[in-house]
Amino acid sequence: MRMSKKLLVIILFLTTLAAPASAVDVPTEFAFQGSGYGHGVGMSQMGARSMALAGKSATDILQYFYKDVLIQPLDDSMILRVNIGHLLSTAKILTATDGALVQVFSGDIGNRVDAVPVATFSKKSTLNLSVLGNKVVPSVSSGKLISSFDSARSFTIRWSGTRYLAGTEALMSVSQLGSTRTYRYGQMQVKAVKDRILGYRLELTNAVRLSDEYLWGVSEMPSYWPIAAVQAQVIASRTYALNKAGFIKTACDCDLYGEMSDQLFLGYAKETEKKFGAIWKKAVSDTVGLTITQAGLPISAYFFSSSGGKTELALNAWGSARAYTQIVDDPGSLDAKLNPNYASWTRSIPQALVASAFLLPDVLSLEVLTRNDSGTVGQIRATSSTGVQVTLRGETFRSRAKIPSAYFDLVGVQN
């Protein structure tokens, strides 16, 4: 049957309207170039290094990067609960120390000294932890022998050589998600906590004294850097922890995480770092109690690796103002000798990751809408193949797309 020309035109026209953008039109990746690594708010670690090399003191460094602050001693003797295992389905705890004893108590017993352990084991045994429903399921394995005991919502683990149990100075190894870290101080708690997506999971924490046991294990700056920079980092880390102390987060059963979302806590590995662990411990003792304060209170002492030449305001990065953050010059971050990896960088980010950052099915184009006085991207807009547009803060996009910093330019696209 012959189709009329009029009908043919209408069908072709409708088909043209209905056709989506072809896959060829959607870039496979987006290219960026920029400088710096991190959010840019507070103390630049590379900037601190540069200033220390120029003869500036730790106080000089901190008062340069934080606005209208005092460096003064505060009490930091409180016990801090640090999350060392988040959303775990299983974990293993053991000691390899000769003569050491490990005790397991049902419940979160705090500082109680009259609690009776439900299990005690030594070097040749391992505490296995899993979760079933809203309970922690423990067992102790010794060779082929496995001893189980009643599950509970939480347990406390203590070992000899701490303030909780006299005896041999034991080291505790915690294995989770294919990695193992070693801890020397305090005690541990494990609790079944409900996650809204995953259901109940294990939260593992290390309760340590902030002033020394915690700070000795913080690993946020190379200990071989100039001593003034290392001292500035210790003071910033103490301040950050003091600002968080006393507010237990339900999601992690902790004051703060032992990962980069707060501060990286390596435990015993930091203070035993070959040649340089002793330098870090000395910096902790040489700055005892020193804290960055405003109106007598510890600030949230944000810090980051390096910038694009100027630091950033908390307001620009996250939408919430902090009076002690400011935009100041940070030339050390742009020194290619000091900062060879991030004085300048280029990255190609795949389509799927960029689209995910904007919560879109795809991204056809990107456009930088505004820039902050610091040089960071203020707002960036994505347009999908169907014309839907979504705008994000530059820092939000940086974090979601996993590019080094919000100090970036768009370079191009790859189809």
Protein backbone atom coordinates (compact mmCIF):
# COMPACT_ATOMS: atom_id res chain seq x y z
CA MET A 1 0.00 0.00 0.00
CA ARG A 2 1.37 3.42 -0.91
CA MET A 3 1.52 5.92 1.94
CA SER A 4 0.55 9.49 1.24
CA LYS A 5 3.28 12.12 1.40
CA LYS A 6 1.32 14.06 4.02
CA LEU A 7 1.10 11.06 6.32
CA LEU A 8 4.76 10.23 5.77
CA VAL A 9 5.82 13.73 6.80
CA ILE A 10 3.73 13.56 9.98
CA ILE A 11 5.17 10.20 10.99
CA LEU A 12 8.73 11.33 10.38
CA PHE A 13 8.10 14.53 12.34
CA LEU A 14 6.69 12.64 15.32
CA THR A 15 9.59 10.22 15.21
CA THR A 16 12.05 13.10 15.28
CA LEU A 17 10.32 14.61 18.32
CA ALA A 18 10.31 11.33 20.22
CA ALA A 19 13.89 10.28 19.52
CA PRO A 20 16.23 10.66 22.50
CA ALA A 21 19.75 12.00 22.17
CA SER A 22 21.93 9.30 20.70
CA ALA A 23 24.56 7.63 22.81
CA VAL A 24 27.18 9.35 20.64
CA ASP A 25 25.96 12.73 21.93
CA VAL A 26 26.65 11.86 25.55
CA PRO A 27 30.33 12.22 26.52
CA THR A 28 32.08 9.15 27.86
CA GLU A 29 34.17 11.26 30.23
CA PHE A 30 34.89 14.84 31.31
CA ALA A 31 38.36 16.38 31.72
CA PHE A 32 39.40 18.76 34.52
CA GLN A 33 42.57 20.57 35.46
CA GLY A 34 43.27 22.23 38.77
CA SER A 35 45.44 22.62 41.86
CA GLY A 36 45.34 21.47 45.46
CA TYR A 37 43.96 18.50 47.33
CA GLY A 38 41.09 18.68 49.81
CA HIS A 39 38.33 21.10 50.80
CA GLY A 40 40.57 24.13 51.31
CA VAL A 41 39.07 25.19 54.66
CA GLY A 42 41.30 26.01 57.65
CA MET A 43 44.98 25.09 57.83
CA SER A 44 46.76 24.13 54.65
CA GLN A 45 49.21 21.39 55.57
CA MET A 46 51.44 22.20 52.62
CA GLY A 47 51.18 25.85 53.58
CA ALA A 48 52.18 24.97 57.15
CA ARG A 49 55.19 23.08 55.80
CA SER A 50 56.23 26.06 53.68
CA MET A 51 55.85 28.50 56.58
CA ALA A 52 57.83 26.22 58.93
CA LEU A 53 60.65 26.03 56.39
CA ALA A 54 60.63 29.84 56.37
CA GLY A 55 61.16 29.89 60.14
CA LYS A 56 57.60 30.45 61.37
CA SER A 57 56.47 28.87 64.64
CA ALA A 58 53.50 26.61 65.19
CA THR A 59 51.60 29.54 66.73
CA ASP A 60 52.47 31.75 63.75
CA ILE A 61 51.11 29.09 61.39
CA LEU A 62 47.85 28.54 63.25
CA GLN A 63 47.09 32.21 63.76
CA TYR A 64 47.71 32.80 60.06
CA PHE A 65 45.26 30.18 58.84
CA TYR A 66 42.56 30.60 61.52
CA LYS A 67 41.01 34.03 62.08
CA ASP A 68 40.92 35.75 65.50
CA VAL A 69 41.95 32.75 67.58
CA LEU A 70 44.07 32.15 70.67
CA ILE A 71 46.39 29.22 71.31
CA GLN A 72 45.88 28.29 74.95
CA PRO A 73 45.98 25.18 77.17
CA LEU A 74 42.72 23.33 77.81
CA ASP A 75 41.99 20.12 79.71
CA ASP A 76 42.27 17.24 77.24
CA SER A 77 42.35 14.37 79.73
CA MET A 78 38.90 13.01 78.84
CA ILE A 79 38.29 9.58 77.33
CA LEU A 80 37.46 9.70 73.65
CA ARG A 81 35.53 6.97 71.88
CA VAL A 82 37.08 6.51 68.42
CA ASN A 83 35.37 4.39 65.77
CA ILE A 84 37.84 1.86 64.36
CA GLY A 85 35.34 -0.32 62.50
CA HIS A 86 32.21 1.00 60.78
CA LEU A 87 29.28 -1.00 59.35
CA LEU A 88 31.05 -4.31 59.77
CA SER A 89 29.45 -7.71 59.32
CA THR A 90 32.43 -9.51 60.91
CA ALA A 91 35.65 -8.68 62.76
CA LYS A 92 38.47 -10.58 64.49
CA ILE A 93 40.43 -9.45 67.56
CA LEU A 94 43.56 -11.16 68.86
CA THR A 95 46.86 -10.55 70.60
CA ALA A 96 50.27 -11.86 69.56
CA THR A 97 51.92 -10.72 72.81
CA ASP A 98 53.41 -13.43 75.01
CA GLY A 99 51.83 -13.58 78.44
CA ALA A 100 48.97 -11.27 77.54
CA LEU A 101 45.39 -11.82 78.67
CA VAL A 102 42.25 -10.56 76.94
CA GLN A 103 38.93 -10.26 78.74
CA VAL A 104 35.49 -10.01 77.15
CA PHE A 105 32.56 -8.48 79.07
CA SER A 106 28.89 -8.51 78.14
CA GLY A 107 27.55 -4.98 77.69
CA ASP A 108 29.20 -1.55 77.57
CA ILE A 109 30.71 -1.45 81.07
CA GLY A 110 32.47 1.93 80.85
CA ASN A 111 35.05 2.34 83.62
CA ARG A 112 33.58 -0.31 85.94
CA VAL A 113 36.16 -2.42 87.75
CA ASP A 114 33.75 -4.90 89.34
CA ALA A 115 32.44 -6.46 86.10
CA VAL A 116 33.00 -10.18 85.60
CA PRO A 117 34.26 -11.30 82.14
CA VAL A 118 32.26 -13.82 80.16
CA ALA A 119 35.45 -15.01 78.43
CA THR A 120 39.21 -14.75 78.89
CA PHE A 121 41.79 -15.78 76.30
CA SER A 122 45.49 -15.40 75.50
CA LYS A 123 47.97 -15.29 72.63
CA LYS A 124 46.88 -18.43 70.79
CA SER A 125 43.19 -17.54 70.58
CA THR A 126 41.03 -15.21 68.48
CA LEU A 127 37.80 -13.41 69.32
CA ASN A 128 35.42 -13.69 66.37
CA LEU A 129 32.58 -11.18 66.10
CA SER A 130 29.56 -11.28 63.82
CA VAL A 131 26.03 -9.87 63.90
CA LEU A 132 22.67 -11.64 63.88
CA GLY A 133 19.53 -9.54 64.10
CA ASN A 134 20.21 -6.82 66.67
CA LYS A 135 22.83 -8.84 68.58
CA VAL A 136 26.59 -9.24 68.48
CA VAL A 137 27.50 -12.92 68.17
CA PRO A 138 30.90 -13.69 69.76
CA SER A 139 33.05 -16.81 69.84
CA VAL A 140 36.64 -17.61 70.78
CA SER A 141 38.62 -19.94 68.55
CA SER A 142 41.78 -21.70 69.72
CA GLY A 143 43.18 -23.97 67.06
CA LYS A 144 40.29 -26.24 66.04
CA LEU A 145 38.38 -25.57 69.25
CA ILE A 146 35.64 -22.92 69.13
CA SER A 147 33.92 -21.70 72.30
CA SER A 148 30.68 -19.73 71.94
CA PHE A 149 28.90 -17.64 74.55
CA ASP A 150 25.64 -15.72 74.74
CA SER A 151 25.09 -12.95 72.22
CA ALA A 152 24.27 -9.42 73.41
CA ARG A 153 23.69 -5.96 72.00
CA SER A 154 27.21 -4.91 72.98
CA PHE A 155 30.49 -6.18 74.46
CA THR A 156 33.59 -4.61 76.03
CA ILE A 157 37.11 -5.95 75.41
CA ARG A 158 40.04 -5.28 77.75
CA TRP A 159 43.62 -6.52 77.67
CA SER A 160 46.60 -6.55 79.99
CA GLY A 161 48.98 -3.61 80.21
CA THR A 162 46.25 -0.94 80.18
CA ARG A 163 44.69 1.11 82.98
CA TYR A 164 41.87 -1.45 83.02
CA LEU A 165 43.95 -4.61 83.45
CA ALA A 166 47.47 -4.86 84.89
CA GLY A 167 50.13 -7.13 83.44
CA THR A 168 52.06 -7.54 80.20
CA GLU A 169 51.84 -4.60 77.82
CA ALA A 170 49.79 -6.28 75.14
CA LEU A 171 49.11 -5.24 71.58
CA MET A 172 45.69 -5.96 70.09
CA SER A 173 45.25 -6.66 66.39
CA VAL A 174 41.89 -5.93 64.79
CA SER A 175 41.18 -7.52 61.40
CA GLN A 176 38.30 -6.27 59.29
CA LEU A 177 37.49 -5.99 55.60
CA GLY A 178 40.82 -7.54 54.65
CA SER A 179 42.99 -5.14 56.68
CA THR A 180 44.59 -5.31 60.13
CA ARG A 181 45.54 -2.53 62.55
CA THR A 182 47.20 -2.73 65.96
CA TYR A 183 46.09 -0.93 69.12
CA ARG A 184 47.88 -0.59 72.43
CA TYR A 185 45.75 1.52 74.76
CA GLY A 186 42.36 1.80 76.44
CA GLN A 187 39.60 -0.70 75.80
CA MET A 188 37.30 -1.62 72.92
CA GLN A 189 33.56 -1.73 72.56
CA VAL A 190 31.58 -3.57 69.91
CA LYS A 191 27.90 -2.82 69.41
CA ALA A 192 25.14 -3.82 67.00
CA VAL A 193 23.80 -0.58 65.50
CA LYS A 194 21.00 -0.30 62.96
CA ASP A 195 21.78 1.29 59.63
CA ARG A 196 18.71 2.43 57.68
CA ILE A 197 19.90 0.68 54.50
CA LEU A 198 21.99 -2.28 55.64
CA GLY A 199 20.16 -3.16 58.84
CA TYR A 200 22.18 -4.07 61.94
CA ARG A 201 25.95 -3.93 61.62
CA LEU A 202 28.90 -3.95 64.02
CA GLU A 203 30.40 -0.69 65.25
CA LEU A 204 33.82 -1.16 66.84
CA THR A 205 35.35 1.61 68.95
CA ASN A 206 38.56 2.21 70.91
CA ALA A 207 38.11 4.23 74.12
CA VAL A 208 41.37 6.13 74.66
CA ARG A 209 42.58 9.19 76.55
CA LEU A 210 42.60 12.17 74.20
CA SER A 211 45.72 13.85 75.57
CA ASP A 212 48.14 11.09 74.64
CA GLU A 213 46.68 7.68 73.74
CA TYR A 214 44.56 9.18 70.96
CA LEU A 215 46.97 11.81 69.70
CA TRP A 216 49.87 9.35 69.55
CA GLY A 217 47.89 7.40 66.97
CA VAL A 218 46.68 10.25 64.74
CA SER A 219 48.30 10.13 61.30
CA GLU A 220 47.48 13.28 59.36
CA MET A 221 50.94 14.64 58.51
CA PRO A 222 54.36 13.08 57.83
CA SER A 223 56.35 13.22 61.08
CA TYR A 224 59.57 14.10 59.21
CA TRP A 225 58.24 17.50 58.13
CA PRO A 226 59.66 20.62 59.85
CA ILE A 227 58.90 20.47 63.57
CA ALA A 228 56.82 23.68 63.64
CA ALA A 229 54.47 22.22 61.03
CA VAL A 230 54.23 18.94 62.97
CA GLN A 231 53.46 20.84 66.19
CA ALA A 232 50.82 22.91 64.38
CA GLN A 233 49.22 19.65 63.19
CA VAL A 234 49.21 18.20 66.72
CA ILE A 235 47.51 21.33 68.08
CA ALA A 236 44.96 21.32 65.23
CA SER A 237 44.26 17.60 65.76
CA ARG A 238 43.87 18.06 69.54
CA THR A 239 41.52 20.99 68.91
CA TYR A 240 39.43 19.10 66.37
CA ALA A 241 39.02 16.18 68.77
CA LEU A 242 38.16 18.44 71.73
CA ASN A 243 35.48 20.10 69.62
CA LYS A 244 33.92 16.68 68.95
CA ALA A 245 34.37 15.16 72.42
CA GLY A 246 31.31 14.39 74.51
CA PHE A 247 28.82 14.06 71.66
CA ILE A 248 28.35 10.36 70.90
CA LYS A 249 27.06 9.77 67.38
CA THR A 250 24.50 6.97 67.27
CA ALA A 251 25.54 5.84 63.77
CA CYS A 252 29.08 4.97 64.88
CA ASP A 253 28.72 4.73 68.68
CA CYS A 254 31.60 7.22 68.78
CA ASP A 255 32.78 10.76 69.42
CA LEU A 256 34.54 10.71 66.08
CA TYR A 257 35.58 8.36 63.30
CA GLY A 258 39.12 7.05 63.05
CA GLU A 259 39.15 7.69 59.30
CA MET A 260 39.60 10.76 57.11
CA SER A 261 35.96 11.80 57.55
CA ASP A 262 37.28 13.04 60.92
CA GLN A 263 40.96 12.24 61.54
CA LEU A 264 42.95 9.19 60.50
CA PHE A 265 43.73 7.16 63.63
CA LEU A 266 46.32 4.46 62.92
CA GLY A 267 46.74 3.44 66.54
CA TYR A 268 50.08 1.97 67.61
CA ALA A 269 51.53 2.03 64.07
CA LYS A 270 51.91 5.82 64.16
CA GLU A 271 54.04 6.07 67.28
CA THR A 272 56.22 3.11 66.24
CA GLU A 273 56.86 4.51 62.76
CA LYS A 274 60.52 3.85 61.96
CA LYS A 275 62.75 6.83 62.86
CA PHE A 276 59.88 9.33 62.99
CA GLY A 277 57.32 7.94 65.44
CA ALA A 278 59.30 9.37 68.36
CA ILE A 279 59.24 12.81 66.72
CA TRP A 280 55.44 12.74 66.56
CA LYS A 281 55.15 11.64 70.22
CA LYS A 282 57.53 14.41 71.29
CA ALA A 283 55.46 16.98 69.39
CA VAL A 284 52.43 15.77 71.37
CA SER A 285 54.24 16.19 74.69
CA ASP A 286 55.84 19.52 73.70
CA THR A 287 52.41 21.04 72.97
CA VAL A 288 50.59 19.50 75.94
CA GLY A 289 47.04 20.83 76.17
CA LEU A 290 47.57 23.60 73.61
CA THR A 291 44.31 24.26 71.78
CA ILE A 292 43.02 26.69 69.15
CA THR A 293 40.20 28.62 70.80
CA GLN A 294 37.70 31.34 70.08
CA ALA A 295 35.69 32.80 72.98
CA GLY A 296 37.44 30.26 75.21
CA LEU A 297 36.13 27.21 73.31
CA PRO A 298 37.93 24.82 70.95
CA ILE A 299 37.12 25.53 67.33
CA SER A 300 36.39 22.88 64.73
CA ALA A 301 39.96 23.03 63.46
CA TYR A 302 39.51 22.03 59.84
CA PHE A 303 42.67 21.29 57.89
CA PHE A 304 43.48 19.92 54.45
CA SER A 305 46.41 18.95 52.26
CA SER A 306 46.82 21.85 49.81
CA SER A 307 44.90 24.57 48.01
CA GLY A 308 44.84 26.30 44.66
CA GLY A 309 46.74 29.28 46.10
CA LYS A 310 44.18 30.61 48.60
CA THR A 311 42.28 28.96 51.44
CA GLU A 312 38.48 28.71 51.49
CA LEU A 313 35.59 29.76 53.75
CA ALA A 314 33.44 27.12 55.43
CA LEU A 315 30.45 29.05 54.12
CA ASN A 316 31.56 28.61 50.51
CA ALA A 317 32.49 24.96 50.92
CA TRP A 318 29.56 23.67 52.96
CA GLY A 319 27.02 26.47 53.26
CA SER A 320 27.56 27.02 57.00
CA ALA A 321 29.69 29.93 58.24
CA ARG A 322 32.49 29.53 60.79
CA ALA A 323 33.89 32.80 62.08
CA TYR A 324 37.44 31.44 62.35
CA THR A 325 37.73 30.34 58.70
CA GLN A 326 39.09 32.85 56.21
CA ILE A 327 40.55 33.27 52.76
CA VAL A 328 44.32 33.82 52.93
CA ASP A 329 47.15 33.37 50.45
CA ASP A 330 48.68 29.89 50.39
CA PRO A 331 51.65 30.02 47.99
CA GLY A 332 53.25 26.91 49.48
CA SER A 333 50.54 24.77 47.90
CA LEU A 334 51.57 25.96 44.43
CA ASP A 335 55.25 25.17 44.98
CA ALA A 336 55.88 22.23 42.67
CA LYS A 337 58.95 21.16 44.66
CA LEU A 338 56.99 20.95 47.92
CA ASN A 339 53.77 19.72 46.34
CA PRO A 340 54.74 17.82 43.17
CA ASN A 341 51.52 15.83 42.90
CA TYR A 342 48.97 18.57 43.48
CA ALA A 343 50.53 21.94 42.65
CA SER A 344 48.77 21.21 39.37
CA TRP A 345 46.82 18.19 38.23
CA THR A 346 44.57 16.87 35.46
CA ARG A 347 41.85 14.28 35.78
CA SER A 348 39.46 12.49 33.42
CA ILE A 349 36.26 11.44 35.17
CA PRO A 350 33.95 8.84 33.57
CA GLN A 351 30.40 9.72 32.58
CA ALA A 352 28.86 7.37 35.13
CA LEU A 353 30.62 9.03 38.08
CA VAL A 354 29.76 12.55 36.92
CA ALA A 355 26.12 11.59 36.37
CA SER A 356 26.00 9.95 39.80
CA ALA A 357 27.35 13.14 41.39
CA PHE A 358 24.34 15.06 40.06
CA LEU A 359 21.88 12.18 40.60
CA LEU A 360 21.13 12.20 36.87
CA PRO A 361 20.88 9.29 34.39
CA ASP A 362 23.50 10.99 32.23
CA VAL A 363 25.24 14.34 31.75
CA LEU A 364 25.46 15.98 28.36
CA SER A 365 27.31 19.13 29.44
CA LEU A 366 28.84 20.89 32.46
CA GLU A 367 29.03 24.63 33.11
CA VAL A 368 30.79 26.53 35.89
CA LEU A 369 28.26 29.16 36.99
CA THR A 370 30.17 31.01 39.72
CA ARG A 371 33.55 31.16 41.41
CA ASN A 372 34.38 32.08 44.99
CA ASP A 373 36.97 34.67 45.97
CA SER A 374 39.28 31.80 46.88
CA GLY A 375 39.28 30.60 43.28
CA THR A 376 37.18 27.51 43.97
CA VAL A 377 34.15 26.67 41.87
CA GLY A 378 31.11 28.17 43.62
CA GLN A 379 28.41 26.45 41.60
CA ILE A 380 28.55 23.98 38.73
CA ARG A 381 25.57 22.97 36.60
CA ALA A 382 24.97 19.74 34.71
CA THR A 383 22.51 19.31 31.86
CA SER A 384 21.26 15.84 30.97
CA SER A 385 20.46 14.53 27.49
CA THR A 386 16.79 15.19 28.22
CA GLY A 387 17.42 18.80 29.25
CA VAL A 388 17.15 18.34 33.01
CA GLN A 389 19.51 20.68 34.88
CA VAL A 390 20.99 20.21 38.37
CA THR A 391 23.29 22.65 40.18
CA LEU A 392 25.75 21.71 42.93
CA ARG A 393 28.27 23.53 45.10
CA GLY A 394 31.77 23.08 43.74
CA GLU A 395 32.90 21.33 46.93
CA THR A 396 29.93 18.95 46.82
CA PHE A 397 30.74 18.06 43.22
CA ARG A 398 34.43 17.68 44.07
CA SER A 399 33.65 15.24 46.84
CA ARG A 400 31.14 13.17 44.87
CA ALA A 401 33.16 13.07 41.64
CA LYS A 402 36.38 12.27 43.50
CA ILE A 403 38.51 14.97 41.97
CA PRO A 404 41.32 16.40 44.14
CA SER A 405 39.84 19.83 44.90
CA ALA A 406 37.26 22.45 43.93
CA TYR A 407 40.07 24.64 42.53
CA PHE A 408 39.46 23.41 38.98
CA ASP A 409 38.61 24.34 35.40
CA LEU A 410 36.72 22.35 32.80
CA VAL A 411 39.00 21.21 30.01
CA GLY A 412 36.80 19.25 27.66
CA VAL A 413 34.76 16.13 26.98
CA GLN A 414 35.47 12.81 25.31
CA ASN A 415 32.80 11.13 23.17
